Structures are given as C-alpha cells and as structure tokens.
C-alpha cells in the first residue's frame, strides 16, 4: 500500500492546536493524537473534549492513539466522536476483541499497539479484528525519544505475519521517526509513519512531511 505520514501533535504547540493542524493540512495523511492518562504511561496530555474540538477545525483524518489504562471503556467514544482511526494498547485492553469490534462498529479503523517489549507473535490471531498494527519504536509516554533500533526485527516479523494473513492491515511505527530512521522502518515493512519532532520541530512542517514521505517511498521494498 502507499506510504502514509501521520504527524503527531504531541510535538505541536498545544495552545494553538487548530493552527498547528492547519500547517500540515493537505500534505499529511493523518493527524496523530496521543491520548495519555498518567496511569498507563507517566504523562498526561489531552482527552476526548480536546479531540472533539480538534475534529471541528481540521479536514485531516484524526488518528487517536490511546495510551490509557481503560481503553475498553473509552475507545468507542473516540470513534463515535469522529476519529478516523482509534488504536488501543494490547497491554492495557482487558477485552480487546470486543473493544476493537466496537471501534469498527462506530465507524473508525481499529488499531492495536504493542510496546517495544511485547512480542508480536502472540497477537497474530487478532489480525482479522484490526485495520492497523502499531509497533512502538520507543517506550510510550513522551515525544522526542531516541529511536530503538532493536525493534526493527519485530517490525519485519509483523510485516511477515500481516502478509501471511493476507488482509489489508496497515503497519504503523511510532517513536523517533525522522529523516535518519524512516528509511530503516520502511525497509522493515512499515507503511504508516508517525512523526512528531521531525515535523513540528521543522521550520516548515509541510515540507518536512513531504521529505519524510519521499524517503519512505524510496526505501519501501517493491510489492
């Protein structure tokens, strides 16, 4: 599938989220929103009311990444609010299949995220229930972390499992994605790339999105 770039507003100016979203409109495929509750991860960001407000200001589809302790309770609400994609963490979900199905029933794409130390093989049976598998390439919780190269073999294994399954499941990477790392991610099989500092730390975020896309496309193995 085509390369997709999802700028993370975790690295944007929270006081100007509508303006920050506009800076990548028409060039980004998604707008990545990290929801953190200071329980599943040691950071607190934003929640459903802010996402609802953001959805009113942007035409870019919103990709909600729920790093929270009770995704089974809250995830469907994000889908019902209008998020185009809602991702829950395997480590936090207690009823993953039910929650993933509820996300889809509410009209959003359902994603499953795995922390760096979580093996992908244990979740092969859930591939029919998801539209996207997110492999974290840093420990979740904070932007600006250094990319973990040790996760790349897991990205490759995830790609193998997805190809074996044969369904249209996107493979997303999130954490430390930049011009220095995105090619390695694409070579490993990722096709959706979350980038925070690499986009919003640039003088021209829109140009940064295009540069990342070009690098990923160049490194993507032929189908």
C-alpha atoms as a PDB file:
ATOM      1  CA  UNK A   1       0.000   0.000   0.000  1.00  0.00           C
ATOM      2  CA  UNK A   2       1.010   3.637  -0.312  1.00  0.00           C
ATOM      3  CA  UNK A   3       3.169   5.315   2.308  1.00  0.00           C
ATOM      4  CA  UNK A   4       1.207   7.389   4.821  1.00  0.00           C
ATOM      5  CA  UNK A   5       2.577  10.096   7.117  1.00  0.00           C
ATOM      6  CA  UNK A   6       0.823  10.906  10.397  1.00  0.00           C
ATOM      7  CA  UNK A   7       2.277  13.985  12.156  1.00  0.00           C
ATOM      8  CA  UNK A   8       1.952  13.797  15.929  1.00  0.00           C
ATOM      9  CA  UNK A   9       0.535  16.863  17.645  1.00  0.00           C
ATOM     10  CA  UNK A  10       2.317  15.735  20.807  1.00  0.00           C
ATOM     11  CA  UNK A  11       5.191  17.835  19.445  1.00  0.00           C
ATOM     12  CA  UNK A  12       2.957  20.740  18.413  1.00  0.00           C
ATOM     13  CA  UNK A  13       2.023  23.861  20.365  1.00  0.00           C
ATOM     14  CA  UNK A  14      -0.949  22.798  22.482  1.00  0.00           C
ATOM     15  CA  UNK A  15      -2.063  26.416  22.806  1.00  0.00           C
ATOM     16  CA  UNK A  16      -2.509  26.619  19.020  1.00  0.00           C
ATOM     17  CA  UNK A  17      -3.697  23.152  18.011  1.00  0.00           C
ATOM     18  CA  UNK A  18      -6.029  24.352  15.257  1.00  0.00           C
ATOM     19  CA  UNK A  19      -3.233  26.401  13.685  1.00  0.00           C
ATOM     20  CA  UNK A  20      -0.765  23.536  14.081  1.00  0.00           C
ATOM     21  CA  UNK A  21      -3.180  21.135  12.371  1.00  0.00           C
ATOM     22  CA  UNK A  22      -3.557  23.608   9.521  1.00  0.00           C
ATOM     23  CA  UNK A  23       0.199  23.649   8.936  1.00  0.00           C
ATOM     24  CA  UNK A  24       0.105  20.054   7.658  1.00  0.00           C
ATOM     25  CA  UNK A  25      -3.339  20.066   6.076  1.00  0.00           C
ATOM     26  CA  UNK A  26      -3.447  18.725   2.503  1.00  0.00           C
ATOM     27  CA  UNK A  27       0.020  17.138   2.854  1.00  0.00           C
ATOM     28  CA  UNK A  28      -0.394  14.776   5.834  1.00  0.00           C
ATOM     29  CA  UNK A  29      -2.500  11.629   5.520  1.00  0.00           C
ATOM     30  CA  UNK A  30      -3.468  11.656   9.201  1.00  0.00           C
ATOM     31  CA  UNK A  31      -3.162  13.812  12.284  1.00  0.00           C
ATOM     32  CA  UNK A  32      -1.867  11.634  15.120  1.00  0.00           C
ATOM     33  CA  UNK A  33      -3.286  12.425  18.566  1.00  0.00           C
ATOM     34  CA  UNK A  34      -1.649  10.845  21.614  1.00  0.00           C
ATOM     35  CA  UNK A  35      -4.084  10.452  24.491  1.00  0.00           C
ATOM     36  CA  UNK A  36      -2.282   9.759  27.791  1.00  0.00           C
ATOM     37  CA  UNK A  37      -3.786   9.394  31.256  1.00  0.00           C
ATOM     38  CA  UNK A  38      -0.765   9.398  33.613  1.00  0.00           C
ATOM     39  CA  UNK A  39      -1.654   5.840  34.552  1.00  0.00           C
ATOM     40  CA  UNK A  40      -0.747   3.586  31.652  1.00  0.00           C
ATOM     41  CA  UNK A  41       2.130   5.941  30.839  1.00  0.00           C
ATOM     42  CA  UNK A  42       3.833   8.562  33.070  1.00  0.00           C
ATOM     43  CA  UNK A  43       2.483  11.537  31.153  1.00  0.00           C
ATOM     44  CA  UNK A  44      -0.801  13.433  30.861  1.00  0.00           C
ATOM     45  CA  UNK A  45      -1.793  15.019  27.557  1.00  0.00           C
ATOM     46  CA  UNK A  46      -5.343  15.557  26.348  1.00  0.00           C
ATOM     47  CA  UNK A  47      -8.642  13.724  26.227  1.00  0.00           C
ATOM     48  CA  UNK A  48     -11.948  13.405  24.454  1.00  0.00           C
ATOM     49  CA  UNK A  49     -13.146  17.041  24.765  1.00  0.00           C
ATOM     50  CA  UNK A  50      -9.985  18.351  23.086  1.00  0.00           C
ATOM     51  CA  UNK A  51     -10.209  15.709  20.359  1.00  0.00           C
ATOM     52  CA  UNK A  52     -13.836  16.693  19.725  1.00  0.00           C
ATOM     53  CA  UNK A  53     -12.783  20.335  19.376  1.00  0.00           C
ATOM     54  CA  UNK A  54      -9.876  19.461  17.108  1.00  0.00           C
ATOM     55  CA  UNK A  55     -12.137  17.438  14.822  1.00  0.00           C
ATOM     56  CA  UNK A  56     -14.182  20.578  14.182  1.00  0.00           C
ATOM     57  CA  UNK A  57     -11.148  22.518  12.961  1.00  0.00           C
ATOM     58  CA  UNK A  58      -9.390  20.145  10.560  1.00  0.00           C
ATOM     59  CA  UNK A  59     -10.249  18.172   7.447  1.00  0.00           C
ATOM     60  CA  UNK A  60      -7.302  15.841   8.022  1.00  0.00           C
ATOM     61  CA  UNK A  61      -8.450  12.465   9.385  1.00  0.00           C
ATOM     62  CA  UNK A  62      -7.572  12.070  13.052  1.00  0.00           C
ATOM     63  CA  UNK A  63      -5.642   9.031  14.253  1.00  0.00           C
ATOM     64  CA  UNK A  64      -6.158   8.614  18.020  1.00  0.00           C
ATOM     65  CA  UNK A  65      -3.550   6.585  19.905  1.00  0.00           C
ATOM     66  CA  UNK A  66      -4.931   5.741  23.336  1.00  0.00           C
ATOM     67  CA  UNK A  67      -2.144   5.245  25.863  1.00  0.00           C
ATOM     68  CA  UNK A  68      -4.603   4.830  28.700  1.00  0.00           C
ATOM     69  CA  UNK A  69      -5.414   2.244  31.349  1.00  0.00           C
ATOM     70  CA  UNK A  70      -9.072   1.710  30.440  1.00  0.00           C
ATOM     71  CA  UNK A  71      -9.243   1.595  26.637  1.00  0.00           C
ATOM     72  CA  UNK A  72     -12.196  -0.797  26.714  1.00  0.00           C
ATOM     73  CA  UNK A  73     -14.256   1.901  28.398  1.00  0.00           C
ATOM     74  CA  UNK A  74     -13.149   4.923  26.392  1.00  0.00           C
ATOM     75  CA  UNK A  75     -12.073   3.834  22.906  1.00  0.00           C
ATOM     76  CA  UNK A  76     -15.561   3.620  21.339  1.00  0.00           C
ATOM     77  CA  UNK A  77     -16.243   7.216  22.420  1.00  0.00           C
ATOM     78  CA  UNK A  78     -13.341   8.471  20.306  1.00  0.00           C
ATOM     79  CA  UNK A  79     -14.663   6.604  17.297  1.00  0.00           C
ATOM     80  CA  UNK A  80     -18.173   7.930  17.864  1.00  0.00           C
ATOM     81  CA  UNK A  81     -16.757  11.471  18.127  1.00  0.00           C
ATOM     82  CA  UNK A  82     -15.449  11.178  14.563  1.00  0.00           C
ATOM     83  CA  UNK A  83     -11.872   9.934  14.798  1.00  0.00           C
ATOM     84  CA  UNK A  84     -10.921   8.091  11.632  1.00  0.00           C
ATOM     85  CA  UNK A  85      -8.724   5.610  13.478  1.00  0.00           C
ATOM     86  CA  UNK A  86      -8.571   4.565  17.122  1.00  0.00           C
ATOM     87  CA  UNK A  87      -5.697   2.467  18.457  1.00  0.00           C
ATOM     88  CA  UNK A  88      -5.663   0.693  21.811  1.00  0.00           C
ATOM     89  CA  UNK A  89      -2.728  -0.944  23.576  1.00  0.00           C
ATOM     90  CA  UNK A  90      -2.654  -4.713  23.839  1.00  0.00           C
ATOM     91  CA  UNK A  91      -1.063  -4.384  27.254  1.00  0.00           C
ATOM     92  CA  UNK A  92      -3.991  -2.350  28.615  1.00  0.00           C
ATOM     93  CA  UNK A  93      -7.041  -3.919  26.990  1.00  0.00           C
ATOM     94  CA  UNK A  94      -8.934  -6.498  29.004  1.00  0.00           C
ATOM     95  CA  UNK A  95     -11.478  -7.260  26.274  1.00  0.00           C
ATOM     96  CA  UNK A  96      -9.526  -6.465  23.132  1.00  0.00           C
ATOM     97  CA  UNK A  97     -11.763  -8.215  20.599  1.00  0.00           C
ATOM     98  CA  UNK A  98     -14.935  -6.616  21.953  1.00  0.00           C
ATOM     99  CA  UNK A  99     -13.316  -3.174  22.026  1.00  0.00           C
ATOM    100  CA  UNK A 100     -11.825  -3.458  18.536  1.00  0.00           C
ATOM    101  CA  UNK A 101     -15.209  -4.502  17.192  1.00  0.00           C
ATOM    102  CA  UNK A 102     -16.881  -1.589  18.974  1.00  0.00           C
ATOM    103  CA  UNK A 103     -14.417   0.832  17.361  1.00  0.00           C
ATOM    104  CA  UNK A 104     -15.223  -0.554  13.936  1.00  0.00           C
ATOM    105  CA  UNK A 105     -18.966  -0.527  14.639  1.00  0.00           C
ATOM    106  CA  UNK A 106     -18.693   3.185  15.451  1.00  0.00           C
ATOM    107  CA  UNK A 107     -17.190   3.833  12.014  1.00  0.00           C
ATOM    108  CA  UNK A 108     -13.459   4.093  12.717  1.00  0.00           C
ATOM    109  CA  UNK A 109     -10.491   1.956  11.784  1.00  0.00           C
ATOM    110  CA  UNK A 110      -9.388  -0.227  14.693  1.00  0.00           C
ATOM    111  CA  UNK A 111      -5.724  -0.341  15.674  1.00  0.00           C
ATOM    112  CA  UNK A 112      -3.745  -2.458  18.120  1.00  0.00           C
ATOM    113  CA  UNK A 113      -0.494  -1.098  19.599  1.00  0.00           C
ATOM    114  CA  UNK A 114       2.409  -3.096  21.012  1.00  0.00           C
ATOM    115  CA  UNK A 115       5.077  -1.752  23.354  1.00  0.00           C
ATOM    116  CA  UNK A 116       8.724  -2.429  22.421  1.00  0.00           C
ATOM    117  CA  UNK A 117       8.999  -5.452  24.728  1.00  0.00           C
ATOM    118  CA  UNK A 118       5.691  -7.028  23.644  1.00  0.00           C
ATOM    119  CA  UNK A 119       6.120  -9.877  21.170  1.00  0.00           C
ATOM    120  CA  UNK A 120       4.026  -9.586  18.036  1.00  0.00           C
ATOM    121  CA  UNK A 121       3.579 -13.325  17.583  1.00  0.00           C
ATOM    122  CA  UNK A 122       1.083 -13.554  20.445  1.00  0.00           C
ATOM    123  CA  UNK A 123      -1.345 -11.313  18.564  1.00  0.00           C
ATOM    124  CA  UNK A 124      -1.397 -12.996  15.165  1.00  0.00           C
ATOM    125  CA  UNK A 125      -4.896 -14.341  15.808  1.00  0.00           C
ATOM    126  CA  UNK A 126      -6.202 -10.782  16.262  1.00  0.00           C
ATOM    127  CA  UNK A 127      -5.228  -9.635  12.763  1.00  0.00           C
ATOM    128  CA  UNK A 128      -8.768 -10.211  11.413  1.00  0.00           C
ATOM    129  CA  UNK A 129     -10.063  -7.835  14.109  1.00  0.00           C
ATOM    130  CA  UNK A 130      -7.798  -4.884  13.273  1.00  0.00           C
ATOM    131  CA  UNK A 131      -7.147  -2.438  10.463  1.00  0.00           C
ATOM    132  CA  UNK A 132      -3.738  -1.350  11.747  1.00  0.00           C
ATOM    133  CA  UNK A 133      -0.957  -2.795  13.878  1.00  0.00           C
ATOM    134  CA  UNK A 134       1.191  -0.205  15.659  1.00  0.00           C
ATOM    135  CA  UNK A 135       4.688  -1.244  16.690  1.00  0.00           C
ATOM    136  CA  UNK A 136       6.102   1.263  19.156  1.00  0.00           C
ATOM    137  CA  UNK A 137       9.703   2.179  18.363  1.00  0.00           C
ATOM    138  CA  UNK A 138      10.181   3.967  21.708  1.00  0.00           C
ATOM    139  CA  UNK A 139       8.702   3.354  25.136  1.00  0.00           C
ATOM    140  CA  UNK A 140       5.321   5.117  25.095  1.00  0.00           C
ATOM    141  CA  UNK A 141       4.771   8.274  27.088  1.00  0.00           C
ATOM    142  CA  UNK A 142       6.980  11.079  25.780  1.00  0.00           C
ATOM    143  CA  UNK A 143       7.893  12.654  22.467  1.00  0.00           C
ATOM    144  CA  UNK A 144      11.448  13.320  21.383  1.00  0.00           C
ATOM    145  CA  UNK A 145      12.848   9.955  22.440  1.00  0.00           C
ATOM    146  CA  UNK A 146      15.649   8.190  20.632  1.00  0.00           C
ATOM    147  CA  UNK A 147      14.575   5.557  18.125  1.00  0.00           C
ATOM    148  CA  UNK A 148      15.027   1.955  19.308  1.00  0.00           C
ATOM    149  CA  UNK A 149      16.755   0.039  16.521  1.00  0.00           C
ATOM    150  CA  UNK A 150      16.237  -3.200  18.447  1.00  0.00           C
ATOM    151  CA  UNK A 151      12.547  -3.043  17.500  1.00  0.00           C
ATOM    152  CA  UNK A 152      13.182  -3.218  13.753  1.00  0.00           C
ATOM    153  CA  UNK A 153      13.310  -7.037  13.659  1.00  0.00           C
ATOM    154  CA  UNK A 154       9.860  -7.041  15.281  1.00  0.00           C
ATOM    155  CA  UNK A 155       8.603  -4.684  12.563  1.00  0.00           C
ATOM    156  CA  UNK A 156       9.884  -7.177   9.991  1.00  0.00           C
ATOM    157  CA  UNK A 157       8.184 -10.072  11.795  1.00  0.00           C
ATOM    158  CA  UNK A 158       4.962  -8.088  11.950  1.00  0.00           C
ATOM    159  CA  UNK A 159       5.141  -7.498   8.204  1.00  0.00           C
ATOM    160  CA  UNK A 160       5.641 -11.218   7.627  1.00  0.00           C
ATOM    161  CA  UNK A 161       2.616 -12.088   9.763  1.00  0.00           C
ATOM    162  CA  UNK A 162       0.441  -9.482   8.033  1.00  0.00           C
ATOM    163  CA  UNK A 163       1.468 -10.716   4.586  1.00  0.00           C
ATOM    164  CA  UNK A 164       0.779 -14.310   5.659  1.00  0.00           C
ATOM    165  CA  UNK A 165      -2.668 -13.289   6.905  1.00  0.00           C
ATOM    166  CA  UNK A 166      -3.377 -11.588   3.600  1.00  0.00           C
ATOM    167  CA  UNK A 167      -5.812  -8.979   4.860  1.00  0.00           C
ATOM    168  CA  UNK A 168      -5.405  -5.244   4.413  1.00  0.00           C
ATOM    169  CA  UNK A 169      -3.786  -4.395   7.735  1.00  0.00           C
ATOM    170  CA  UNK A 170      -1.597  -1.301   7.885  1.00  0.00           C
ATOM    171  CA  UNK A 171       1.687  -1.472   9.795  1.00  0.00           C
ATOM    172  CA  UNK A 172       2.430   1.722  11.721  1.00  0.00           C
ATOM    173  CA  UNK A 173       5.564   2.755  13.587  1.00  0.00           C
ATOM    174  CA  UNK A 174       5.622   5.472  16.230  1.00  0.00           C
ATOM    175  CA  UNK A 175       8.585   6.927  18.117  1.00  0.00           C
ATOM    176  CA  UNK A 176      11.797   8.559  16.986  1.00  0.00           C
ATOM    177  CA  UNK A 177      10.748   8.537  13.330  1.00  0.00           C
ATOM    178  CA  UNK A 178      12.837  11.087  11.451  1.00  0.00           C
ATOM    179  CA  UNK A 179      14.791  11.566   8.246  1.00  0.00           C
ATOM    180  CA  UNK A 180      17.525   9.465   9.853  1.00  0.00           C
ATOM    181  CA  UNK A 181      15.296   6.497  10.745  1.00  0.00           C
ATOM    182  CA  UNK A 182      12.276   6.402   8.431  1.00  0.00           C
ATOM    183  CA  UNK A 183      14.073   4.533   5.651  1.00  0.00           C
ATOM    184  CA  UNK A 184      15.004   1.693   8.006  1.00  0.00           C
ATOM    185  CA  UNK A 185      11.381   1.475   9.117  1.00  0.00           C
ATOM    186  CA  UNK A 186      10.155   1.338   5.524  1.00  0.00           C
ATOM    187  CA  UNK A 187      12.718  -1.307   4.636  1.00  0.00           C
ATOM    188  CA  UNK A 188      11.468  -3.389   7.573  1.00  0.00           C
ATOM    189  CA  UNK A 189       7.932  -3.237   6.207  1.00  0.00           C
ATOM    190  CA  UNK A 190       6.174  -0.309   7.873  1.00  0.00           C
ATOM    191  CA  UNK A 191       3.818   1.737   5.711  1.00  0.00           C
ATOM    192  CA  UNK A 192       2.332   4.276   8.168  1.00  0.00           C
ATOM    193  CA  UNK A 193       4.766   6.583   9.956  1.00  0.00           C
ATOM    194  CA  UNK A 194       4.074   8.753  12.993  1.00  0.00           C
ATOM    195  CA  UNK A 195       6.485  11.688  13.246  1.00  0.00           C
ATOM    196  CA  UNK A 196       6.384  14.369  15.908  1.00  0.00           C
ATOM    197  CA  UNK A 197       9.556  16.407  16.342  1.00  0.00           C
ATOM    198  CA  UNK A 198      10.624  15.650  12.774  1.00  0.00           C
ATOM    199  CA  UNK A 199       7.542  17.539  11.562  1.00  0.00           C
ATOM    200  CA  UNK A 200       6.659  20.121  14.203  1.00  0.00           C
ATOM    201  CA  UNK A 201      10.275  20.824  15.091  1.00  0.00           C
ATOM    202  CA  UNK A 202      10.940  21.854  11.488  1.00  0.00           C
ATOM    203  CA  UNK A 203      10.668  25.412  10.177  1.00  0.00           C
ATOM    204  CA  UNK A 204       8.236  24.197   7.522  1.00  0.00           C
ATOM    205  CA  UNK A 205       6.171  21.236   8.784  1.00  0.00           C
ATOM    206  CA  UNK A 206       4.504  20.676   5.420  1.00  0.00           C
ATOM    207  CA  UNK A 207       7.857  20.406   3.664  1.00  0.00           C
ATOM    208  CA  UNK A 208       9.051  18.036   6.408  1.00  0.00           C
ATOM    209  CA  UNK A 209       6.063  15.757   5.753  1.00  0.00           C
ATOM    210  CA  UNK A 210       6.909  15.623   2.052  1.00  0.00           C
ATOM    211  CA  UNK A 211      10.570  14.897   2.755  1.00  0.00           C
ATOM    212  CA  UNK A 212       9.651  12.032   5.074  1.00  0.00           C
ATOM    213  CA  UNK A 213       7.225  10.647   2.501  1.00  0.00           C
ATOM    214  CA  UNK A 214       9.855  10.743  -0.251  1.00  0.00           C
ATOM    215  CA  UNK A 215      12.404   8.948   1.914  1.00  0.00           C
ATOM    216  CA  UNK A 216       9.917   6.249   2.926  1.00  0.00           C
ATOM    217  CA  UNK A 217       8.718   5.708  -0.629  1.00  0.00           C
ATOM    218  CA  UNK A 218      12.280   5.359  -1.852  1.00  0.00           C
ATOM    219  CA  UNK A 219      13.049   2.733   0.806  1.00  0.00           C
ATOM    220  CA  UNK A 220       9.815   0.711   0.514  1.00  0.00           C
ATOM    221  CA  UNK A 221      10.509  -2.747  -0.951  1.00  0.00           C
ATOM    222  CA  UNK A 222       8.761  -3.480  -4.266  1.00  0.00           C
ATOM    223  CA  UNK A 223       5.413  -5.233  -3.904  1.00  0.00           C
END
